[in-house]
C-alpha atoms as a PDB file:
ATOM      1  CA  MET A   1     -11.381  14.287  12.463  1.00  0.00           C
ATOM      2  CA  PHE A   2      -7.701  14.835  11.785  1.00  0.00           C
ATOM      3  CA  ASP A   3      -5.974  16.969  14.397  1.00  0.00           C
ATOM      4  CA  LEU A   4      -3.713  19.295  12.436  1.00  0.00           C
ATOM      5  CA  PHE A   5      -1.499  19.969  15.428  1.00  0.00           C
ATOM      6  CA  LYS A   6      -1.230  16.444  16.747  1.00  0.00           C
ATOM      7  CA  ARG A   7       2.375  15.365  16.998  1.00  0.00           C
ATOM      8  CA  PRO A   8       3.328  12.127  15.228  1.00  0.00           C
ATOM      9  CA  ALA A   9       3.445   9.000  17.321  1.00  0.00           C
ATOM     10  CA  GLU A  10       6.774   8.026  18.823  1.00  0.00           C
ATOM     11  CA  SER A  11       8.782   5.638  16.677  1.00  0.00           C
ATOM     12  CA  ASP A  12       8.527   2.005  17.712  1.00  0.00           C
ATOM     13  CA  ARG A  13      12.052   0.742  18.452  1.00  0.00           C
ATOM     14  CA  ARG A  14      11.259  -2.946  17.973  1.00  0.00           C
ATOM     15  CA  PRO A  15      12.666  -4.754  14.902  1.00  0.00           C
ATOM     16  CA  TRP A  16      10.478  -4.307  11.839  1.00  0.00           C
ATOM     17  CA  GLY A  17       9.594  -8.006  11.571  1.00  0.00           C
ATOM     18  CA  GLU A  18       8.389  -8.020  15.166  1.00  0.00           C
ATOM     19  CA  ARG A  19       6.342  -4.871  14.622  1.00  0.00           C
ATOM     20  CA  LEU A  20       4.803  -6.291  11.453  1.00  0.00           C
ATOM     21  CA  LYS A  21       3.816  -9.488  13.217  1.00  0.00           C
ATOM     22  CA  ALA A  22       2.219  -7.514  16.037  1.00  0.00           C
ATOM     23  CA  SER A  23       0.356  -5.318  13.549  1.00  0.00           C
ATOM     24  CA  LEU A  24      -1.040  -8.321  11.708  1.00  0.00           C
ATOM     25  CA  GLY A  25      -2.159  -9.933  14.957  1.00  0.00           C
ATOM     26  CA  LEU A  26      -5.891  -9.606  14.272  1.00  0.00           C
ATOM     27  CA  SER A  27      -5.518 -10.882  10.721  1.00  0.00           C
ATOM     28  CA  ARG A  28      -3.355 -13.777  11.901  1.00  0.00           C
ATOM     29  CA  GLU A  29      -5.826 -14.668  14.647  1.00  0.00           C
ATOM     30  CA  ARG A  30      -8.699 -14.712  12.179  1.00  0.00           C
ATOM     31  CA  LEU A  31      -6.707 -16.929   9.828  1.00  0.00           C
ATOM     32  CA  THR A  32      -5.118 -19.343  12.288  1.00  0.00           C
ATOM     33  CA  ARG A  33      -7.620 -19.676  15.138  1.00  0.00           C
ATOM     34  CA  PRO A  34      -9.714 -22.281  13.278  1.00  0.00           C
ATOM     35  CA  LEU A  35      -6.544 -23.886  11.947  1.00  0.00           C
ATOM     36  CA  ASN A  36      -4.449 -24.460  15.041  1.00  0.00           C
ATOM     37  CA  ALA A  37      -6.159 -27.782  15.673  1.00  0.00           C
ATOM     38  CA  MET A  38      -5.595 -28.701  12.027  1.00  0.00           C
ATOM     39  CA  PHE A  39      -1.880 -27.964  11.802  1.00  0.00           C
ATOM     40  CA  GLY A  40       0.013 -30.936  13.037  1.00  0.00           C
ATOM     41  CA  ARG A  41      -2.302 -33.508  11.506  1.00  0.00           C
ATOM     42  CA  ALA A  42      -0.353 -35.875   9.321  1.00  0.00           C
ATOM     43  CA  ALA A  43      -2.509 -35.423   6.242  1.00  0.00           C
ATOM     44  CA  LEU A  44      -4.836 -32.862   4.713  1.00  0.00           C
ATOM     45  CA  SER A  45      -8.241 -34.479   4.526  1.00  0.00           C
ATOM     46  CA  ASP A  46     -11.244 -33.019   2.719  1.00  0.00           C
ATOM     47  CA  GLU A  47     -12.536 -31.922   6.113  1.00  0.00           C
ATOM     48  CA  THR A  48      -9.378 -30.012   6.994  1.00  0.00           C
ATOM     49  CA  LEU A  49      -9.286 -28.381   3.553  1.00  0.00           C
ATOM     50  CA  GLU A  50     -12.858 -27.192   4.110  1.00  0.00           C
ATOM     51  CA  GLU A  51     -11.833 -25.741   7.468  1.00  0.00           C
ATOM     52  CA  LEU A  52      -8.901 -24.006   5.813  1.00  0.00           C
ATOM     53  CA  GLU A  53     -11.139 -22.636   3.071  1.00  0.00           C
ATOM     54  CA  ALA A  54     -13.453 -21.066   5.642  1.00  0.00           C
ATOM     55  CA  ALA A  55     -10.517 -19.542   7.515  1.00  0.00           C
ATOM     56  CA  LEU A  56      -8.988 -18.050   4.379  1.00  0.00           C
ATOM     57  CA  LEU A  57     -12.273 -16.529   3.294  1.00  0.00           C
ATOM     58  CA  GLU A  58     -12.836 -15.126   6.785  1.00  0.00           C
ATOM     59  CA  ALA A  59      -9.404 -13.472   6.565  1.00  0.00           C
ATOM     60  CA  ASP A  60     -10.512 -11.695   3.354  1.00  0.00           C
ATOM     61  CA  VAL A  61      -8.267 -13.730   1.063  1.00  0.00           C
ATOM     62  CA  GLY A  62     -11.159 -13.904  -1.401  1.00  0.00           C
ATOM     63  CA  LEU A  63     -12.532 -16.824  -3.403  1.00  0.00           C
ATOM     64  CA  PRO A  64     -10.133 -16.851  -6.405  1.00  0.00           C
ATOM     65  CA  ALA A  65      -7.018 -16.697  -4.226  1.00  0.00           C
ATOM     66  CA  THR A  66      -8.471 -19.190  -1.736  1.00  0.00           C
ATOM     67  CA  THR A  67      -9.239 -21.666  -4.521  1.00  0.00           C
ATOM     68  CA  HIS A  68      -5.713 -21.256  -5.883  1.00  0.00           C
ATOM     69  CA  LEU A  69      -4.059 -21.683  -2.485  1.00  0.00           C
ATOM     70  CA  LEU A  70      -6.071 -24.790  -1.603  1.00  0.00           C
ATOM     71  CA  ALA A  71      -5.291 -26.444  -4.935  1.00  0.00           C
ATOM     72  CA  GLU A  72      -1.580 -25.721  -4.557  1.00  0.00           C
ATOM     73  CA  LEU A  73      -1.606 -26.841  -0.942  1.00  0.00           C
ATOM     74  CA  ALA A  74      -3.315 -30.136  -1.774  1.00  0.00           C
ATOM     75  CA  ALA A  75      -0.902 -30.786  -4.645  1.00  0.00           C
ATOM     76  CA  ARG A  76       2.166 -30.091  -2.513  1.00  0.00           C
ATOM     77  CA  ALA A  77       0.834 -32.166   0.336  1.00  0.00           C
ATOM     78  CA  LYS A  78       0.584 -35.147  -1.992  1.00  0.00           C
ATOM     79  CA  ARG A  79       4.150 -34.645  -3.227  1.00  0.00           C
ATOM     80  CA  ALA A  80       5.584 -33.991   0.232  1.00  0.00           C
ATOM     81  CA  ASP A  81       6.462 -36.434   2.942  1.00  0.00           C
ATOM     82  CA  SER A  82       3.444 -37.678   4.877  1.00  0.00           C
ATOM     83  CA  GLU A  83       4.753 -35.887   7.960  1.00  0.00           C
ATOM     84  CA  ALA A  84       4.988 -32.511   6.162  1.00  0.00           C
ATOM     85  CA  ASP A  85       3.782 -29.599   8.262  1.00  0.00           C
ATOM     86  CA  ALA A  86       0.645 -28.089   6.732  1.00  0.00           C
ATOM     87  CA  ARG A  87       1.509 -24.655   8.137  1.00  0.00           C
ATOM     88  CA  THR A  88       4.867 -24.714   6.368  1.00  0.00           C
ATOM     89  CA  LEU A  89       3.210 -25.757   3.118  1.00  0.00           C
ATOM     90  CA  LEU A  90       0.627 -22.972   3.392  1.00  0.00           C
ATOM     91  CA  LYS A  91       3.358 -20.386   3.997  1.00  0.00           C
ATOM     92  CA  ALA A  92       5.243 -21.661   0.954  1.00  0.00           C
ATOM     93  CA  VAL A  93       2.279 -21.481  -1.452  1.00  0.00           C
ATOM     94  CA  MET A  94       1.171 -18.101  -0.132  1.00  0.00           C
ATOM     95  CA  THR A  95       4.690 -16.670  -0.429  1.00  0.00           C
ATOM     96  CA  GLU A  96       4.851 -17.919  -4.006  1.00  0.00           C
ATOM     97  CA  LEU A  97       1.518 -16.199  -4.761  1.00  0.00           C
ATOM     98  CA  LEU A  98       2.601 -12.881  -3.236  1.00  0.00           C
ATOM     99  CA  ALA A  99       6.163 -12.839  -4.577  1.00  0.00           C
ATOM    100  CA  PRO A 100       5.291 -10.991  -7.855  1.00  0.00           C
ATOM    101  CA  LEU A 101       3.891  -8.093  -5.768  1.00  0.00           C
ATOM    102  CA  GLU A 102       7.297  -7.503  -4.186  1.00  0.00           C
ATOM    103  CA  GLN A 103       8.810  -4.676  -6.213  1.00  0.00           C
ATOM    104  CA  ALA A 104      10.855  -1.960  -4.558  1.00  0.00           C
ATOM    105  CA  LEU A 105      10.176   1.731  -5.052  1.00  0.00           C
ATOM    106  CA  ILE A 106      13.299   2.770  -6.950  1.00  0.00           C
ATOM    107  CA  ILE A 107      14.069   6.414  -7.662  1.00  0.00           C
ATOM    108  CA  GLY A 108      15.369   6.589 -11.203  1.00  0.00           C
ATOM    109  CA  PRO A 109      17.845   9.056 -12.712  1.00  0.00           C
ATOM    110  CA  GLU A 110      15.248  11.615 -13.841  1.00  0.00           C
ATOM    111  CA  ARG A 111      15.345  14.929 -11.983  1.00  0.00           C
ATOM    112  CA  PRO A 112      12.962  15.711 -10.606  1.00  0.00           C
ATOM    113  CA  PHE A 113      11.667  12.163 -10.271  1.00  0.00           C
ATOM    114  CA  VAL A 114       7.882  12.523  -9.992  1.00  0.00           C
ATOM    115  CA  VAL A 115       5.673  10.246  -7.882  1.00  0.00           C
ATOM    116  CA  MET A 116       1.923  10.796  -8.349  1.00  0.00           C
ATOM    117  CA  ILE A 117      -0.226   9.558  -5.460  1.00  0.00           C
ATOM    118  CA  ALA A 118      -3.975   8.893  -5.581  1.00  0.00           C
ATOM    119  CA  GLY A 119      -6.611   7.280  -3.384  1.00  0.00           C
ATOM    120  CA  VAL A 120     -10.090   7.475  -1.957  1.00  0.00           C
ATOM    121  CA  ASN A 121     -10.995   9.766   0.926  1.00  0.00           C
ATOM    122  CA  GLY A 122      -9.789   8.475   4.265  1.00  0.00           C
ATOM    123  CA  ALA A 123      -7.299   5.923   2.938  1.00  0.00           C
ATOM    124  CA  GLY A 124      -4.396   7.659   4.651  1.00  0.00           C
ATOM    125  CA  LYS A 125      -3.018   9.221   1.480  1.00  0.00           C
ATOM    126  CA  THR A 126      -1.689  12.517   2.815  1.00  0.00           C
ATOM    127  CA  THR A 127      -0.229  10.888   5.926  1.00  0.00           C
ATOM    128  CA  SER A 128       1.455   8.282   3.721  1.00  0.00           C
ATOM    129  CA  ILE A 129       3.003  11.070   1.650  1.00  0.00           C
ATOM    130  CA  GLY A 130       4.502  12.567   4.795  1.00  0.00           C
ATOM    131  CA  LYS A 131       5.914   9.188   5.789  1.00  0.00           C
ATOM    132  CA  LEU A 132       7.172   8.582   2.248  1.00  0.00           C
ATOM    133  CA  ALA A 133       9.003  11.897   2.309  1.00  0.00           C
ATOM    134  CA  LYS A 134      10.778  10.777   5.484  1.00  0.00           C
ATOM    135  CA  TYR A 135      11.491   7.364   3.960  1.00  0.00           C
ATOM    136  CA  LEU A 136      13.108   8.925   0.876  1.00  0.00           C
ATOM    137  CA  GLN A 137      15.091  11.407   2.948  1.00  0.00           C
ATOM    138  CA  GLY A 138      16.500   8.451   4.817  1.00  0.00           C
ATOM    139  CA  GLN A 139      17.857   7.223   1.497  1.00  0.00           C
ATOM    140  CA  GLY A 140      19.548  10.544   0.832  1.00  0.00           C
ATOM    141  CA  TYR A 141      17.027  12.135  -1.534  1.00  0.00           C
ATOM    142  CA  SER A 142      15.743  15.706  -1.342  1.00  0.00           C
ATOM    143  CA  VAL A 143      11.946  15.916  -1.578  1.00  0.00           C
ATOM    144  CA  LEU A 144       9.288  18.482  -2.501  1.00  0.00           C
ATOM    145  CA  LEU A 145       5.560  18.056  -1.856  1.00  0.00           C
ATOM    146  CA  ALA A 146       2.896  19.231  -4.303  1.00  0.00           C
ATOM    147  CA  ALA A 147      -0.453  19.852  -2.555  1.00  0.00           C
ATOM    148  CA  GLY A 148      -2.849  18.855  -5.321  1.00  0.00           C
ATOM    149  CA  ASP A 149      -5.977  19.011  -3.152  1.00  0.00           C
ATOM    150  CA  THR A 150      -6.573  22.727  -3.713  1.00  0.00           C
ATOM    151  CA  PHE A 151     -10.109  22.915  -2.343  1.00  0.00           C
ATOM    152  CA  ARG A 152      -9.789  21.282   1.074  1.00  0.00           C
ATOM    153  CA  ALA A 153      -7.938  23.632   3.383  1.00  0.00           C
ATOM    154  CA  ALA A 154      -7.401  20.835   5.915  1.00  0.00           C
ATOM    155  CA  ALA A 155      -5.645  18.710   3.299  1.00  0.00           C
ATOM    156  CA  ARG A 156      -3.247  21.529   2.413  1.00  0.00           C
ATOM    157  CA  GLU A 157      -2.561  22.311   6.047  1.00  0.00           C
ATOM    158  CA  GLN A 158      -2.005  18.651   6.853  1.00  0.00           C
ATOM    159  CA  LEU A 159       0.545  18.345   4.052  1.00  0.00           C
ATOM    160  CA  GLU A 160       2.239  21.573   5.095  1.00  0.00           C
ATOM    161  CA  ILE A 161       2.607  20.264   8.663  1.00  0.00           C
ATOM    162  CA  TRP A 162       4.160  17.060   7.362  1.00  0.00           C
ATOM    163  CA  GLY A 163       6.475  19.199   5.252  1.00  0.00           C
ATOM    164  CA  GLU A 164       7.459  21.223   8.314  1.00  0.00           C
ATOM    165  CA  ARG A 165       8.095  18.084  10.365  1.00  0.00           C
ATOM    166  CA  ASN A 166      10.392  16.696   7.676  1.00  0.00           C
ATOM    167  CA  SER A 167      11.913  20.051   6.606  1.00  0.00           C
ATOM    168  CA  VAL A 168      10.446  19.530   3.129  1.00  0.00           C
ATOM    169  CA  PRO A 169       9.146  22.394   0.933  1.00  0.00           C
ATOM    170  CA  VAL A 170       5.471  22.322  -0.037  1.00  0.00           C
ATOM    171  CA  ILE A 171       3.947  23.953  -3.135  1.00  0.00           C
ATOM    172  CA  SER A 172       0.250  24.747  -2.654  1.00  0.00           C
ATOM    173  CA  GLN A 173      -2.573  27.062  -3.732  1.00  0.00           C
ATOM    174  CA  HIS A 174      -5.828  28.130  -2.116  1.00  0.00           C
ATOM    175  CA  GLY A 175      -8.411  27.038  -4.666  1.00  0.00           C
ATOM    176  CA  GLY A 176      -7.718  26.952  -8.365  1.00  0.00           C
ATOM    177  CA  ASP A 177      -6.634  24.177 -10.701  1.00  0.00           C
ATOM    178  CA  PRO A 178      -4.787  21.219  -9.109  1.00  0.00           C
ATOM    179  CA  ALA A 179      -2.925  20.696 -12.376  1.00  0.00           C
ATOM    180  CA  ALA A 180      -1.478  24.207 -12.076  1.00  0.00           C
ATOM    181  CA  VAL A 181      -0.032  23.286  -8.675  1.00  0.00           C
ATOM    182  CA  MET A 182       1.686  20.313 -10.274  1.00  0.00           C
ATOM    183  CA  PHE A 183       3.178  22.469 -13.016  1.00  0.00           C
ATOM    184  CA  ASP A 184       4.461  24.973 -10.446  1.00  0.00           C
ATOM    185  CA  ALA A 185       5.850  22.180  -8.255  1.00  0.00           C
ATOM    186  CA  ILE A 186       7.862  20.693 -11.130  1.00  0.00           C
ATOM    187  CA  ALA A 187       9.264  24.114 -11.990  1.00  0.00           C
ATOM    188  CA  ALA A 188      10.164  24.787  -8.358  1.00  0.00           C
ATOM    189  CA  ALA A 189      11.821  21.378  -7.967  1.00  0.00           C
ATOM    190  CA  ARG A 190      13.867  21.910 -11.106  1.00  0.00           C
ATOM    191  CA  ALA A 191      14.957  25.371  -9.987  1.00  0.00           C
ATOM    192  CA  ARG A 192      15.948  24.115  -6.507  1.00  0.00           C
ATOM    193  CA  GLY A 193      17.654  20.938  -7.678  1.00  0.00           C
ATOM    194  CA  ILE A 194      15.167  18.698  -5.844  1.00  0.00           C
ATOM    195  CA  ASP A 195      15.434  14.960  -6.427  1.00  0.00           C
ATOM    196  CA  VAL A 196      11.833  13.809  -5.909  1.00  0.00           C
ATOM    197  CA  VAL A 197       8.411  15.466  -6.216  1.00  0.00           C
ATOM    198  CA  LEU A 198       5.582  13.757  -4.331  1.00  0.00           C
ATOM    199  CA  ALA A 199       2.371  14.873  -6.028  1.00  0.00           C
ATOM    200  CA  ASP A 200      -0.648  14.622  -3.740  1.00  0.00           C
ATOM    201  CA  THR A 201      -4.144  14.547  -5.255  1.00  0.00           C
ATOM    202  CA  ALA A 202      -7.589  15.025  -3.757  1.00  0.00           C
ATOM    203  CA  GLY A 203      -9.290  11.903  -2.458  1.00  0.00           C
ATOM    204  CA  ARG A 204     -12.056  10.611  -4.686  1.00  0.00           C
ATOM    205  CA  LEU A 205     -14.246   7.577  -5.262  1.00  0.00           C
ATOM    206  CA  PRO A 206     -13.832   5.618  -8.504  1.00  0.00           C
ATOM    207  CA  THR A 207     -17.526   6.240  -9.216  1.00  0.00           C
ATOM    208  CA  GLN A 208     -16.951  10.023  -9.326  1.00  0.00           C
ATOM    209  CA  LEU A 209     -16.176  10.016 -13.028  1.00  0.00           C
ATOM    210  CA  HIS A 210     -15.556  13.753 -13.334  1.00  0.00           C
ATOM    211  CA  LEU A 211     -12.956  13.549 -10.572  1.00  0.00           C
ATOM    212  CA  MET A 212     -11.338  10.537 -12.211  1.00  0.00           C
ATOM    213  CA  GLU A 213     -11.082  12.614 -15.384  1.00  0.00           C
ATOM    214  CA  GLU A 214      -9.397  15.330 -13.318  1.00  0.00           C
ATOM    215  CA  LEU A 215      -6.779  12.774 -12.270  1.00  0.00           C
ATOM    216  CA  LYS A 216      -6.100  12.001 -15.919  1.00  0.00           C
ATOM    217  CA  LYS A 217      -5.661  15.730 -16.570  1.00  0.00           C
ATOM    218  CA  ILE A 218      -3.178  16.030 -13.704  1.00  0.00           C
ATOM    219  CA  ARG A 219      -1.241  13.109 -15.157  1.00  0.00           C
ATOM    220  CA  ARG A 220      -1.124  14.806 -18.573  1.00  0.00           C
ATOM    221  CA  VAL A 221       0.098  18.070 -17.054  1.00  0.00           C
ATOM    222  CA  LEU A 222       2.845  16.269 -15.165  1.00  0.00           C
ATOM    223  CA  ALA A 223       3.965  14.688 -18.444  1.00  0.00           C
ATOM    224  CA  LYS A 224       4.098  18.101 -20.131  1.00  0.00           C
ATOM    225  CA  ALA A 225       5.981  19.692 -17.254  1.00  0.00           C
ATOM    226  CA  GLN A 226       8.502  16.841 -16.984  1.00  0.00           C
ATOM    227  CA  PRO A 227       9.019  14.367 -19.845  1.00  0.00           C
ATOM    228  CA  GLY A 228       8.192  10.836 -18.755  1.00  0.00           C
ATOM    229  CA  ALA A 229       6.392  11.967 -15.623  1.00  0.00           C
ATOM    230  CA  PRO A 230       4.851  10.667 -13.502  1.00  0.00           C
ATOM    231  CA  HIS A 231       7.638   8.139 -13.144  1.00  0.00           C
ATOM    232  CA  GLU A 232       5.674   6.295 -10.458  1.00  0.00           C
ATOM    233  CA  THR A 233       1.904   6.337  -9.976  1.00  0.00           C
ATOM    234  CA  LEU A 234       0.870   4.952  -6.606  1.00  0.00           C
ATOM    235  CA  LEU A 235      -2.554   4.159  -5.179  1.00  0.00           C
ATOM    236  CA  VAL A 236      -2.946   4.340  -1.406  1.00  0.00           C
ATOM    237  CA  LEU A 237      -5.235   1.583  -0.100  1.00  0.00           C
ATOM    238  CA  ASP A 238      -6.715   1.209   3.375  1.00  0.00           C
ATOM    239  CA  ALA A 239      -6.323  -2.458   4.356  1.00  0.00           C
ATOM    240  CA  ASN A 240      -9.599  -2.234   6.289  1.00  0.00           C
ATOM    241  CA  THR A 241     -11.563  -1.997   3.038  1.00  0.00           C
ATOM    242  CA  GLY A 242     -10.902  -5.681   2.413  1.00  0.00           C
ATOM    243  CA  GLN A 243     -12.335  -6.992  -0.842  1.00  0.00           C
ATOM    244  CA  ASN A 244     -13.538  -3.508  -1.809  1.00  0.00           C
ATOM    245  CA  ALA A 245      -9.870  -2.693  -2.401  1.00  0.00           C
ATOM    246  CA  LEU A 246      -9.986  -4.793  -5.566  1.00  0.00           C
ATOM    247  CA  ALA A 247     -12.525  -2.497  -7.221  1.00  0.00           C
ATOM    248  CA  GLN A 248     -10.434   0.527  -6.252  1.00  0.00           C
ATOM    249  CA  VAL A 249      -7.308  -0.971  -7.778  1.00  0.00           C
ATOM    250  CA  ALA A 250      -9.144  -1.858 -10.999  1.00  0.00           C
ATOM    251  CA  ALA A 251     -10.692   1.606 -11.416  1.00  0.00           C
ATOM    252  CA  PHE A 252      -7.589   3.642 -10.602  1.00  0.00           C
ATOM    253  CA  ASP A 253      -5.406   1.356 -12.698  1.00  0.00           C
ATOM    254  CA  ALA A 254      -7.705   1.843 -15.685  1.00  0.00           C
ATOM    255  CA  ALA A 255      -7.529   5.623 -15.260  1.00  0.00           C
ATOM    256  CA  LEU A 256      -3.869   6.062 -14.344  1.00  0.00           C
ATOM    257  CA  ASP A 257      -1.953   2.899 -15.302  1.00  0.00           C
ATOM    258  CA  LEU A 258      -0.736   2.325 -11.753  1.00  0.00           C
ATOM    259  CA  THR A 259       2.839   1.294 -11.091  1.00  0.00           C
ATOM    260  CA  GLY A 260       2.307   0.364  -7.456  1.00  0.00           C
ATOM    261  CA  LEU A 261       0.247   0.331  -4.276  1.00  0.00           C
ATOM    262  CA  VAL A 262       0.779   1.657  -0.776  1.00  0.00           C
ATOM    263  CA  LEU A 263      -1.167  -0.492   1.692  1.00  0.00           C
ATOM    264  CA  THR A 264      -1.944   1.410   4.893  1.00  0.00           C
ATOM    265  CA  LYS A 265      -3.501   0.733   8.293  1.00  0.00           C
ATOM    266  CA  LEU A 266      -2.456  -2.908   8.501  1.00  0.00           C
ATOM    267  CA  ASP A 267      -2.247  -2.462  12.258  1.00  0.00           C
ATOM    268  CA  GLY A 268      -5.642  -3.089  13.762  1.00  0.00           C
ATOM    269  CA  THR A 269      -7.215  -4.744  10.725  1.00  0.00           C
ATOM    270  CA  ALA A 270      -8.436  -8.330  10.482  1.00  0.00           C
ATOM    271  CA  LYS A 271      -8.366  -8.158   6.674  1.00  0.00           C
ATOM    272  CA  GLY A 272      -4.665  -8.517   5.937  1.00  0.00           C
ATOM    273  CA  GLY A 273      -5.453 -11.514   3.729  1.00  0.00           C
ATOM    274  CA  VAL A 274      -6.621  -9.073   1.056  1.00  0.00           C
ATOM    275  CA  VAL A 275      -2.999  -8.967  -0.117  1.00  0.00           C
ATOM    276  CA  ALA A 276      -3.504 -12.487  -1.483  1.00  0.00           C
ATOM    277  CA  ALA A 277      -6.690 -11.369  -3.240  1.00  0.00           C
ATOM    278  CA  ILE A 278      -4.786  -8.507  -4.859  1.00  0.00           C
ATOM    279  CA  ALA A 279      -2.056 -10.901  -6.000  1.00  0.00           C
ATOM    280  CA  LYS A 280      -4.553 -13.222  -7.650  1.00  0.00           C
ATOM    281  CA  THR A 281      -7.039 -10.801  -9.217  1.00  0.00           C
ATOM    282  CA  GLN A 282      -5.421  -7.325  -9.434  1.00  0.00           C
ATOM    283  CA  PRO A 283      -1.652  -7.972  -9.337  1.00  0.00           C
ATOM    284  CA  VAL A 284      -0.356  -4.409  -9.081  1.00  0.00           C
ATOM    285  CA  PRO A 285       2.935  -4.369  -7.126  1.00  0.00           C
ATOM    286  CA  ILE A 286       2.797  -3.367  -3.462  1.00  0.00           C
ATOM    287  CA  LYS A 287       5.661  -0.913  -3.106  1.00  0.00           C
ATOM    288  CA  LEU A 288       5.140   0.041   0.543  1.00  0.00           C
ATOM    289  CA  ILE A 289       3.115  -0.961   3.599  1.00  0.00           C
ATOM    290  CA  GLY A 290       2.148   1.106   6.642  1.00  0.00           C
ATOM    291  CA  ILE A 291       1.654  -0.391  10.097  1.00  0.00           C
ATOM    292  CA  GLY A 292       1.295   2.556  12.464  1.00  0.00           C
ATOM    293  CA  GLU A 293       1.052   6.291  13.032  1.00  0.00           C
ATOM    294  CA  GLY A 294       4.743   7.007  13.516  1.00  0.00           C
ATOM    295  CA  VAL A 295       6.675   8.856  10.836  1.00  0.00           C
ATOM    296  CA  ASP A 296       8.898   5.791  10.345  1.00  0.00           C
ATOM    297  CA  ASP A 297       6.019   3.306  10.041  1.00  0.00           C
ATOM    298  CA  LEU A 298       6.242   2.894   6.277  1.00  0.00           C
ATOM    299  CA  ARG A 299       8.502   0.248   4.767  1.00  0.00           C
ATOM    300  CA  ALA A 300       9.006  -1.828   1.649  1.00  0.00           C
ATOM    301  CA  PHE A 301       6.739  -4.854   1.149  1.00  0.00           C
ATOM    302  CA  ARG A 302       8.516  -8.201   1.442  1.00  0.00           C
ATOM    303  CA  ALA A 303       6.399 -11.240   0.553  1.00  0.00           C
ATOM    304  CA  ALA A 304       8.101 -13.856   2.750  1.00  0.00           C
ATOM    305  CA  GLU A 305       8.253 -11.468   5.704  1.00  0.00           C
ATOM    306  CA  PHE A 306       4.565 -10.591   5.299  1.00  0.00           C
ATOM    307  CA  VAL A 307       3.473 -14.233   5.065  1.00  0.00           C
ATOM    308  CA  ASP A 308       5.526 -15.174   8.100  1.00  0.00           C
ATOM    309  CA  ALA A 309       3.765 -12.422  10.075  1.00  0.00           C
ATOM    310  CA  LEU A 310       0.344 -13.357   8.707  1.00  0.00           C
ATOM    311  CA  VAL A 311       0.460 -17.134   9.099  1.00  0.00           C
ATOM    312  CA  GLY A 312       2.811 -17.312  12.088  1.00  0.00           C
END
């Protein structure tokens, strides 16, 4: 259970690349442990490709992405020098696959600029909003939080504590219509000259159709309150869900026309390869990744950096 009064973890002072590599340690071990004996062989035989296939699938890369990566790897190996390093080739083809997912979260000129955030229960959505507020403040933007989960007192209190930690105002209601909170939040942001509104929504499963319809209503209200809003619609995904993340992306994208993903809890998961599965089957951009509990543990996704941490 979430401890409302738990202080955030201390910021990790190591360079981000080093922290990312440490966070992806379990995923990297799952991917490379069967491969270490393979890398360094002069050629990729059918046997080594089979070993690589098993390792990729075990790392939750998924069948479509695994098939694509193996085909590209085999083709490049044939074109490359016979002494080409298989690890280097794998990093190259995986980086190429993930590159389209690398799209920065850019705050446009609209004021307030509205970011709607959705996700299933337990994905780390509210915590990610608190971290995102800090991230945007670091770029010089003023932020307001809209507590769209009006029925769970713990969710409102959690968001209010994040707001207090970051000195960010929070608009909330006890009960009532979540869409009304959004309307009030836009009005408050406009009156206060706030740059960005982060609109939280209640966690829900894609199979809860009435709650998915509620999300669509919230989106419509945001558009009425602020023309063009929401300017970004982000889905928070727990990396530990692995291949189940694909169904979440498909369902929320169909309902909300997602502009990006926030991938959380990469630290401690052995399923970091799911990023490749997303790239191949549900290529919604990954705007941000989270690798820890600290308030600063949310950063932009960089494909080459991620692959380097994942493959080693």
